[in-house]
Amino acid sequence: MALEYFHEPREKLPPAVLNLKRALASVIEELEAVSWYNERAAGETDPELREILIHNRNEEIEHSMMLLEWVRRKYPEFAEEMRTYMFTEAPITELEEAEESESDGSDEDDPKNSDASDGSLNIGPMKDG
């Protein structure tokens, strides 16, 4: 359905724009399917059918991640944002501020560095003058 609507005349759009549109529409469809299978599994009382629905949901998760990886590889803007927000432990809403402070050379308030699980104070190595 998302591929049926364009903001610009389709014939004016270059192949890269159409490819991204296809990929993003597919991600949306896969994530919708994840939600549908998740709901169906949650409501199912037959254990065997529930397991099949969970399996199907997990397949849709795999498909959506494959598509997002393709987008990451083709579009540096997505890759940059993924590096900022994905696979982190700091509060998500603080990551943008940390990224901005890194870009201006300051990282003392970086929430990515806030968890000193090794007991350190997050102080870098001391260098002799």
Protein backbone atom coordinates (compact mmCIF):
# COMPACT_ATOMS: atom_id res chain seq x y z
CA MET A 1 0.00 0.00 0.00
CA ALA A 2 2.83 2.42 0.82
CA LEU A 3 4.23 1.92 -2.68
CA GLU A 4 1.01 3.18 -4.22
CA TYR A 5 1.43 6.74 -2.92
CA PHE A 6 4.13 9.15 -4.04
CA HIS A 7 4.58 12.82 -3.17
CA GLU A 8 6.23 13.42 -6.53
CA PRO A 9 5.42 11.94 -9.94
CA ARG A 10 6.93 8.46 -9.97
CA GLU A 11 8.45 8.94 -13.41
CA LYS A 12 10.55 11.84 -12.08
CA LEU A 13 12.10 9.75 -9.30
CA PRO A 14 15.52 8.15 -9.81
CA PRO A 15 16.05 4.42 -9.16
CA ALA A 16 17.77 5.02 -5.79
CA VAL A 17 14.70 6.86 -4.48
CA LEU A 18 12.40 4.11 -5.71
CA ASN A 19 14.62 1.44 -4.15
CA LEU A 20 14.54 3.19 -0.78
CA LYS A 21 10.77 3.55 -1.08
CA ARG A 22 10.47 -0.21 -1.75
CA ALA A 23 12.72 -1.07 1.17
CA LEU A 24 10.95 1.22 3.64
CA ALA A 25 7.51 0.08 2.49
CA SER A 26 8.67 -3.51 2.99
CA VAL A 27 9.98 -2.72 6.49
CA ILE A 28 6.59 -1.24 7.36
CA GLU A 29 4.81 -4.32 6.02
CA GLU A 30 7.12 -6.69 7.89
CA LEU A 31 6.66 -4.80 11.16
CA GLU A 32 2.89 -4.82 10.70
CA ALA A 33 3.11 -8.60 10.23
CA VAL A 34 5.19 -8.86 13.42
CA SER A 35 2.42 -7.08 15.29
CA TRP A 36 -0.31 -9.24 13.75
CA TYR A 37 1.45 -12.51 14.55
CA ASN A 38 2.28 -11.27 18.04
CA GLU A 39 -1.37 -10.49 18.73
CA ARG A 40 -2.52 -13.79 17.30
CA ALA A 41 0.03 -15.74 19.35
CA ALA A 42 -0.93 -13.87 22.52
CA GLY A 43 -4.59 -14.71 21.99
CA GLU A 44 -4.11 -18.32 20.92
CA THR A 45 -5.02 -21.09 23.37
CA ASP A 46 -3.75 -24.03 21.31
CA PRO A 47 -0.04 -24.41 22.28
CA GLU A 48 1.01 -25.88 18.94
CA LEU A 49 -0.65 -23.14 16.91
CA ARG A 50 0.80 -20.52 19.30
CA GLU A 51 4.30 -21.85 18.62
CA ILE A 52 3.74 -21.67 14.86
CA LEU A 53 2.50 -18.09 15.16
CA ILE A 54 5.53 -17.16 17.28
CA HIS A 55 7.80 -18.78 14.70
CA ASN A 56 6.11 -16.78 11.95
CA ARG A 57 6.42 -13.56 13.98
CA ASN A 58 10.13 -14.19 14.45
CA GLU A 59 10.56 -14.74 10.70
CA GLU A 60 8.98 -11.35 10.07
CA ILE A 61 11.38 -9.78 12.58
CA GLU A 62 14.26 -11.35 10.65
CA HIS A 63 12.93 -9.97 7.36
CA SER A 64 12.55 -6.46 8.75
CA MET A 65 16.09 -6.49 10.14
CA MET A 66 17.49 -7.68 6.80
CA LEU A 67 15.79 -4.75 5.11
CA LEU A 68 17.07 -2.28 7.69
CA GLU A 69 20.58 -3.61 7.20
CA TRP A 70 20.25 -3.03 3.46
CA VAL A 71 19.11 0.53 4.15
CA ARG A 72 22.05 1.04 6.53
CA ARG A 73 24.52 -0.12 3.91
CA LYS A 74 23.09 2.06 1.14
CA TYR A 75 22.28 5.27 3.02
CA PRO A 76 24.95 6.82 5.25
CA GLU A 77 22.36 9.05 6.97
CA PHE A 78 20.58 5.98 8.30
CA ALA A 79 23.90 4.38 9.27
CA GLU A 80 24.88 7.45 11.28
CA GLU A 81 21.62 7.47 13.23
CA MET A 82 21.80 3.73 13.80
CA ARG A 83 25.31 4.13 15.26
CA THR A 84 23.93 6.78 17.63
CA TYR A 85 20.85 4.96 18.88
CA MET A 86 21.17 1.22 18.38
CA PHE A 87 22.89 -1.29 20.66
CA THR A 88 23.39 1.25 23.43
CA GLU A 89 22.52 1.08 27.11
CA ALA A 90 22.19 4.77 27.98
CA PRO A 91 18.74 6.38 28.13
CA ILE A 92 17.65 6.75 24.50
CA THR A 93 16.55 10.37 24.89
CA GLU A 94 20.04 11.34 26.08
CA LEU A 95 21.92 9.82 23.15
CA GLU A 96 21.34 12.71 20.75
CA GLU A 97 22.81 15.17 23.25
CA ALA A 98 25.80 12.88 23.71
CA GLU A 99 26.31 12.67 19.95
CA GLU A 100 26.16 16.46 19.64
CA SER A 101 28.68 16.95 22.46
CA GLU A 102 31.02 14.44 20.79
CA SER A 103 30.82 16.36 17.53
CA ASP A 104 31.89 19.54 19.31
CA GLY A 105 34.76 17.70 21.02
CA SER A 106 33.22 17.42 24.48
CA ASP A 107 32.28 14.00 25.84
CA GLU A 108 32.37 14.45 29.60
CA ASP A 109 28.59 14.22 29.90
CA ASP A 110 28.29 11.39 27.36
CA PRO A 111 25.68 8.95 28.71
CA LYS A 112 27.37 6.18 26.69
CA ASN A 113 30.29 6.56 29.10
CA SER A 114 28.21 6.93 32.25
CA ASP A 115 28.14 3.27 33.29
CA ALA A 116 31.42 2.51 35.02
CA SER A 117 30.69 -1.12 35.72
CA ASP A 118 34.40 -1.83 36.22
CA GLY A 119 34.47 0.46 39.28
CA SER A 120 36.46 3.19 37.52
CA LEU A 121 35.47 6.81 37.43
CA ASN A 122 35.50 6.81 33.62
CA ILE A 123 38.75 8.75 33.62
CA GLY A 124 40.95 8.09 30.59
CA PRO A 125 44.57 6.97 30.82
CA MET A 126 47.05 9.40 32.31
CA LYS A 127 49.82 10.50 29.95
CA ASP A 128 53.26 11.62 30.99
CA GLY A 129 54.00 15.16 29.81
